[in-house]
């Protein structure tokens, strides 16, 4: 990663940490379309997210997105999704409501 871009990412993450009280590990909800696009373009951005945000990240995917990947038949994208933690949609909504309540 270029030095100037890395510095900009670091500054932006510091703003998020101060404003929204982000703390490691950063939890990222990944969509099936993002995985398919990254795989189609041979990008490793999904796997390299810790280097991009320069913090430890935890990648999540919902069961409906995994089902969408199975329907697409793209085995490489399915393998990428299997490395992520599964998150229930109901639990994710509760977490978001809790965060919104505290803001």
N, C-alpha and C. Protein backbone atom coordinates (compact mmCIF):
# COMPACT_ATOMS: atom_id res chain seq x y z
N UNK A 1 0.85 -1.17 0.00
CA UNK A 1 0.00 0.00 0.00
C UNK A 1 0.90 1.23 0.00
N UNK A 2 0.55 2.19 -0.77
CA UNK A 2 1.33 3.42 -0.86
C UNK A 2 1.30 4.16 0.47
N UNK A 3 2.41 4.85 0.75
CA UNK A 3 2.56 5.52 2.04
C UNK A 3 1.50 6.60 2.25
N UNK A 4 1.23 7.39 1.23
CA UNK A 4 0.26 8.48 1.36
C UNK A 4 -1.15 7.94 1.62
N UNK A 5 -1.51 6.88 0.89
CA UNK A 5 -2.83 6.27 1.07
C UNK A 5 -2.94 5.62 2.45
N UNK A 6 -1.87 4.97 2.89
CA UNK A 6 -1.87 4.34 4.21
C UNK A 6 -2.05 5.39 5.31
N UNK A 7 -1.41 6.53 5.13
CA UNK A 7 -1.54 7.60 6.12
C UNK A 7 -2.98 8.14 6.15
N UNK A 8 -3.60 8.26 4.99
CA UNK A 8 -4.99 8.74 4.92
C UNK A 8 -5.93 7.74 5.60
N UNK A 9 -5.71 6.43 5.36
CA UNK A 9 -6.53 5.41 6.01
C UNK A 9 -6.35 5.46 7.53
N UNK A 10 -5.12 5.61 7.98
CA UNK A 10 -4.84 5.66 9.41
C UNK A 10 -5.54 6.86 10.06
N UNK A 11 -5.49 8.01 9.40
CA UNK A 11 -6.16 9.20 9.92
C UNK A 11 -7.67 9.00 9.99
N UNK A 12 -8.24 8.41 8.95
CA UNK A 12 -9.69 8.18 8.93
C UNK A 12 -10.11 7.21 10.03
N UNK A 13 -9.32 6.16 10.25
CA UNK A 13 -9.65 5.21 11.31
C UNK A 13 -9.53 5.87 12.68
N UNK A 14 -8.60 6.79 12.85
CA UNK A 14 -8.50 7.52 14.12
C UNK A 14 -9.73 8.39 14.35
N UNK A 15 -10.25 8.98 13.28
CA UNK A 15 -11.49 9.77 13.40
C UNK A 15 -12.64 8.86 13.83
N UNK A 16 -12.75 7.68 13.22
CA UNK A 16 -13.80 6.74 13.61
C UNK A 16 -13.64 6.29 15.06
N UNK A 17 -12.40 6.05 15.47
CA UNK A 17 -12.16 5.62 16.84
C UNK A 17 -12.57 6.69 17.84
N UNK A 18 -12.29 7.94 17.53
CA UNK A 18 -12.63 9.03 18.45
C UNK A 18 -14.12 9.36 18.42
N UNK A 19 -14.71 9.37 17.23
CA UNK A 19 -16.11 9.78 17.09
C UNK A 19 -17.09 8.68 17.49
N UNK A 20 -16.88 7.49 16.94
CA UNK A 20 -17.84 6.40 17.14
C UNK A 20 -17.36 5.35 18.13
N UNK A 21 -16.23 5.60 18.78
CA UNK A 21 -15.68 4.68 19.79
C UNK A 21 -15.38 3.30 19.22
N UNK A 22 -14.83 3.26 18.00
CA UNK A 22 -14.42 1.99 17.42
C UNK A 22 -13.26 1.45 18.23
N UNK A 23 -13.21 0.13 18.37
CA UNK A 23 -12.07 -0.50 19.02
C UNK A 23 -11.83 -1.85 18.35
N UNK A 24 -10.59 -2.28 18.33
CA UNK A 24 -10.28 -3.55 17.68
C UNK A 24 -10.93 -4.71 18.42
N UNK A 25 -11.34 -5.75 17.76
CA UNK A 25 -11.37 -5.95 16.31
C UNK A 25 -12.58 -5.25 15.68
N UNK A 26 -12.35 -4.62 14.55
CA UNK A 26 -13.41 -3.97 13.79
C UNK A 26 -14.26 -5.07 13.14
N UNK A 27 -15.56 -5.01 13.34
CA UNK A 27 -16.46 -6.02 12.77
C UNK A 27 -17.01 -5.50 11.44
N UNK A 28 -16.78 -6.29 10.39
CA UNK A 28 -17.18 -5.90 9.04
C UNK A 28 -18.19 -6.92 8.52
N UNK A 29 -19.36 -6.43 8.14
CA UNK A 29 -20.38 -7.29 7.54
C UNK A 29 -20.18 -7.25 6.03
N UNK A 30 -19.88 -8.41 5.46
CA UNK A 30 -19.56 -8.50 4.03
C UNK A 30 -20.77 -9.07 3.30
N UNK A 31 -21.09 -8.47 2.17
CA UNK A 31 -22.22 -8.87 1.34
C UNK A 31 -21.75 -9.88 0.30
N UNK A 32 -22.65 -10.71 -0.18
CA UNK A 32 -22.29 -11.70 -1.20
C UNK A 32 -21.86 -11.03 -2.50
N UNK A 33 -22.46 -9.89 -2.83
CA UNK A 33 -22.06 -9.17 -4.05
C UNK A 33 -20.63 -8.67 -3.96
N UNK A 34 -20.20 -8.24 -2.78
CA UNK A 34 -18.82 -7.78 -2.60
C UNK A 34 -17.85 -8.94 -2.80
N UNK A 35 -18.20 -10.11 -2.31
CA UNK A 35 -17.34 -11.28 -2.48
C UNK A 35 -17.27 -11.69 -3.94
N UNK A 36 -18.42 -11.70 -4.62
CA UNK A 36 -18.43 -12.08 -6.04
C UNK A 36 -17.64 -11.10 -6.89
N UNK A 37 -17.78 -9.80 -6.63
CA UNK A 37 -17.03 -8.80 -7.40
C UNK A 37 -15.53 -8.91 -7.14
N UNK A 38 -15.16 -9.09 -5.89
CA UNK A 38 -13.74 -9.22 -5.55
C UNK A 38 -13.15 -10.47 -6.20
N UNK A 39 -13.90 -11.55 -6.21
CA UNK A 39 -13.42 -12.78 -6.81
C UNK A 39 -13.36 -12.66 -8.32
N UNK A 40 -14.34 -11.99 -8.93
CA UNK A 40 -14.36 -11.83 -10.38
C UNK A 40 -13.18 -10.98 -10.86
N UNK A 41 -12.85 -9.95 -10.10
CA UNK A 41 -11.76 -9.06 -10.48
C UNK A 41 -10.41 -9.51 -9.94
N UNK A 42 -10.37 -10.70 -9.33
CA UNK A 42 -9.15 -11.26 -8.73
C UNK A 42 -8.56 -10.33 -7.68
N UNK A 43 -9.43 -9.70 -6.91
CA UNK A 43 -8.97 -8.83 -5.83
C UNK A 43 -8.89 -9.64 -4.55
N UNK A 44 -7.93 -9.29 -3.73
CA UNK A 44 -7.81 -9.95 -2.44
C UNK A 44 -8.20 -8.98 -1.33
N UNK A 45 -9.01 -7.99 -1.67
CA UNK A 45 -9.36 -6.94 -0.71
C UNK A 45 -10.13 -7.48 0.48
N UNK A 46 -10.90 -8.52 0.29
CA UNK A 46 -11.66 -9.09 1.40
C UNK A 46 -10.70 -9.68 2.43
N UNK A 47 -9.71 -10.41 1.96
CA UNK A 47 -8.76 -11.04 2.87
C UNK A 47 -7.77 -10.03 3.45
N UNK A 48 -7.54 -8.95 2.75
CA UNK A 48 -6.54 -7.97 3.19
C UNK A 48 -7.15 -6.79 3.92
N UNK A 49 -8.36 -6.93 4.42
CA UNK A 49 -8.98 -5.81 5.13
C UNK A 49 -8.21 -5.35 6.36
N UNK A 50 -7.52 -6.23 7.11
CA UNK A 50 -6.73 -5.71 8.24
C UNK A 50 -5.62 -4.76 7.80
N UNK A 51 -5.04 -4.98 6.63
CA UNK A 51 -3.99 -4.08 6.16
C UNK A 51 -4.58 -2.75 5.69
N UNK A 52 -5.78 -2.80 5.16
CA UNK A 52 -6.41 -1.58 4.68
C UNK A 52 -6.78 -0.65 5.82
N UNK A 53 -7.46 -1.17 6.82
CA UNK A 53 -7.87 -0.33 7.94
C UNK A 53 -6.80 -0.24 9.02
N UNK A 54 -5.74 -1.02 8.88
CA UNK A 54 -4.60 -1.03 9.78
C UNK A 54 -5.01 -1.34 11.22
N UNK A 55 -6.00 -2.19 11.35
CA UNK A 55 -6.47 -2.68 12.64
C UNK A 55 -6.92 -4.12 12.43
N UNK A 56 -7.06 -4.83 13.52
CA UNK A 56 -7.58 -6.19 13.44
C UNK A 56 -9.05 -6.14 13.05
N UNK A 57 -9.44 -6.98 12.10
CA UNK A 57 -10.83 -7.00 11.65
C UNK A 57 -11.42 -8.39 11.83
N UNK A 58 -12.72 -8.41 11.96
CA UNK A 58 -13.47 -9.65 12.07
C UNK A 58 -14.53 -9.60 10.98
N UNK A 59 -14.45 -10.51 10.02
CA UNK A 59 -15.36 -10.50 8.89
C UNK A 59 -16.57 -11.39 9.17
N UNK A 60 -17.76 -10.84 8.91
CA UNK A 60 -19.01 -11.56 9.12
C UNK A 60 -19.77 -11.65 7.81
N UNK A 61 -20.56 -12.71 7.70
CA UNK A 61 -21.45 -12.87 6.55
C UNK A 61 -22.74 -13.50 7.07
N UNK A 62 -23.86 -13.11 6.49
CA UNK A 62 -25.14 -13.66 6.92
C UNK A 62 -25.45 -14.94 6.16
N UNK A 63 -26.36 -15.72 6.70
CA UNK A 63 -26.72 -16.98 6.08
C UNK A 63 -27.40 -16.77 4.72
N UNK A 64 -28.18 -15.70 4.59
CA UNK A 64 -28.84 -15.46 3.30
C UNK A 64 -27.81 -15.12 2.22
N UNK A 65 -26.71 -14.45 2.59
CA UNK A 65 -25.65 -14.16 1.62
C UNK A 65 -24.92 -15.44 1.23
N UNK A 66 -24.74 -16.34 2.18
CA UNK A 66 -24.11 -17.63 1.87
C UNK A 66 -25.01 -18.42 0.91
N UNK A 67 -26.31 -18.40 1.15
CA UNK A 67 -27.25 -19.08 0.24
C UNK A 67 -27.19 -18.47 -1.16
N UNK A 68 -27.05 -17.16 -1.24
CA UNK A 68 -26.92 -16.49 -2.54
C UNK A 68 -25.66 -16.96 -3.26
N UNK A 69 -24.57 -17.14 -2.51
CA UNK A 69 -23.33 -17.62 -3.12
C UNK A 69 -23.48 -19.07 -3.60
N UNK A 70 -24.16 -19.90 -2.83
CA UNK A 70 -24.40 -21.28 -3.26
C UNK A 70 -25.24 -21.31 -4.54
N UNK A 71 -26.21 -20.43 -4.65
CA UNK A 71 -27.04 -20.36 -5.86
C UNK A 71 -26.25 -19.89 -7.06
N UNK A 72 -25.22 -19.06 -6.83
CA UNK A 72 -24.40 -18.59 -7.95
C UNK A 72 -23.50 -19.69 -8.49
N UNK A 73 -23.16 -20.67 -7.65
CA UNK A 73 -22.34 -21.79 -8.10
C UNK A 73 -20.86 -21.47 -8.18
N UNK A 74 -20.42 -20.35 -7.68
CA UNK A 74 -19.02 -19.95 -7.73
C UNK A 74 -18.30 -20.53 -6.51
N UNK A 75 -17.51 -21.60 -6.73
CA UNK A 75 -16.90 -22.32 -5.62
C UNK A 75 -15.83 -21.49 -4.90
N UNK A 76 -15.08 -20.69 -5.64
CA UNK A 76 -14.05 -19.86 -4.99
C UNK A 76 -14.68 -18.84 -4.05
N UNK A 77 -15.78 -18.24 -4.47
CA UNK A 77 -16.47 -17.28 -3.62
C UNK A 77 -17.06 -17.97 -2.39
N UNK A 78 -17.54 -19.19 -2.56
CA UNK A 78 -18.07 -19.95 -1.43
C UNK A 78 -16.96 -20.25 -0.43
N UNK A 79 -15.78 -20.60 -0.93
CA UNK A 79 -14.65 -20.89 -0.04
C UNK A 79 -14.23 -19.66 0.75
N UNK A 80 -14.27 -18.50 0.10
CA UNK A 80 -13.95 -17.25 0.81
C UNK A 80 -14.98 -17.00 1.91
N UNK A 81 -16.24 -17.23 1.60
CA UNK A 81 -17.31 -17.01 2.58
C UNK A 81 -17.21 -17.97 3.75
N UNK A 82 -16.72 -19.18 3.51
CA UNK A 82 -16.60 -20.16 4.59
C UNK A 82 -15.55 -19.77 5.61
N UNK A 83 -14.60 -18.92 5.22
CA UNK A 83 -13.58 -18.49 6.17
C UNK A 83 -14.10 -17.42 7.12
N UNK A 84 -15.24 -16.82 6.80
CA UNK A 84 -15.81 -15.76 7.63
C UNK A 84 -16.73 -16.35 8.69
N UNK A 85 -16.98 -15.56 9.70
CA UNK A 85 -17.90 -15.99 10.74
C UNK A 85 -19.33 -15.72 10.28
N UNK A 86 -20.22 -16.62 10.64
CA UNK A 86 -21.63 -16.45 10.27
C UNK A 86 -22.32 -15.60 11.32
N UNK A 87 -23.15 -14.71 10.87
CA UNK A 87 -23.88 -13.83 11.77
C UNK A 87 -25.36 -13.93 11.45
N UNK A 88 -26.15 -14.11 12.47
CA UNK A 88 -27.59 -14.17 12.31
C UNK A 88 -28.12 -12.76 12.07
N UNK A 89 -29.05 -12.62 11.16
CA UNK A 89 -29.60 -11.30 10.83
C UNK A 89 -30.28 -10.68 12.04
N UNK A 90 -30.99 -11.47 12.81
CA UNK A 90 -31.69 -10.94 13.98
C UNK A 90 -30.70 -10.40 15.00
N UNK A 91 -29.61 -11.14 15.22
CA UNK A 91 -28.59 -10.68 16.18
C UNK A 91 -27.93 -9.41 15.68
N UNK A 92 -27.71 -9.30 14.37
CA UNK A 92 -27.09 -8.11 13.81
C UNK A 92 -28.01 -6.91 14.00
N UNK A 93 -29.32 -7.09 13.80
CA UNK A 93 -30.27 -5.99 14.00
C UNK A 93 -30.26 -5.54 15.46
N UNK A 94 -30.18 -6.49 16.38
CA UNK A 94 -30.14 -6.12 17.80
C UNK A 94 -28.89 -5.33 18.14
N UNK A 95 -27.75 -5.73 17.56
CA UNK A 95 -26.51 -5.00 17.80
C UNK A 95 -26.61 -3.58 17.26
N UNK A 96 -27.18 -3.44 16.07
CA UNK A 96 -27.31 -2.11 15.47
C UNK A 96 -28.26 -1.24 16.28
N UNK A 97 -29.34 -1.83 16.80
CA UNK A 97 -30.27 -1.07 17.63
C UNK A 97 -29.60 -0.62 18.92
N UNK A 98 -28.76 -1.48 19.48
CA UNK A 98 -28.04 -1.13 20.71
C UNK A 98 -27.08 0.02 20.45
N UNK A 99 -26.38 -0.04 19.32
CA UNK A 99 -25.44 1.03 18.98
C UNK A 99 -26.19 2.33 18.75
N UNK A 100 -27.31 2.27 18.03
CA UNK A 100 -28.09 3.48 17.75
C UNK A 100 -28.66 4.07 19.04
N UNK A 101 -29.00 3.22 19.99
CA UNK A 101 -29.54 3.68 21.26
C UNK A 101 -28.49 4.45 22.06
N UNK A 102 -27.23 4.00 21.98
CA UNK A 102 -26.16 4.65 22.73
C UNK A 102 -25.68 5.94 22.08
N UNK A 103 -25.98 6.14 20.80
CA UNK A 103 -25.56 7.37 20.13
C UNK A 103 -26.54 8.44 20.48
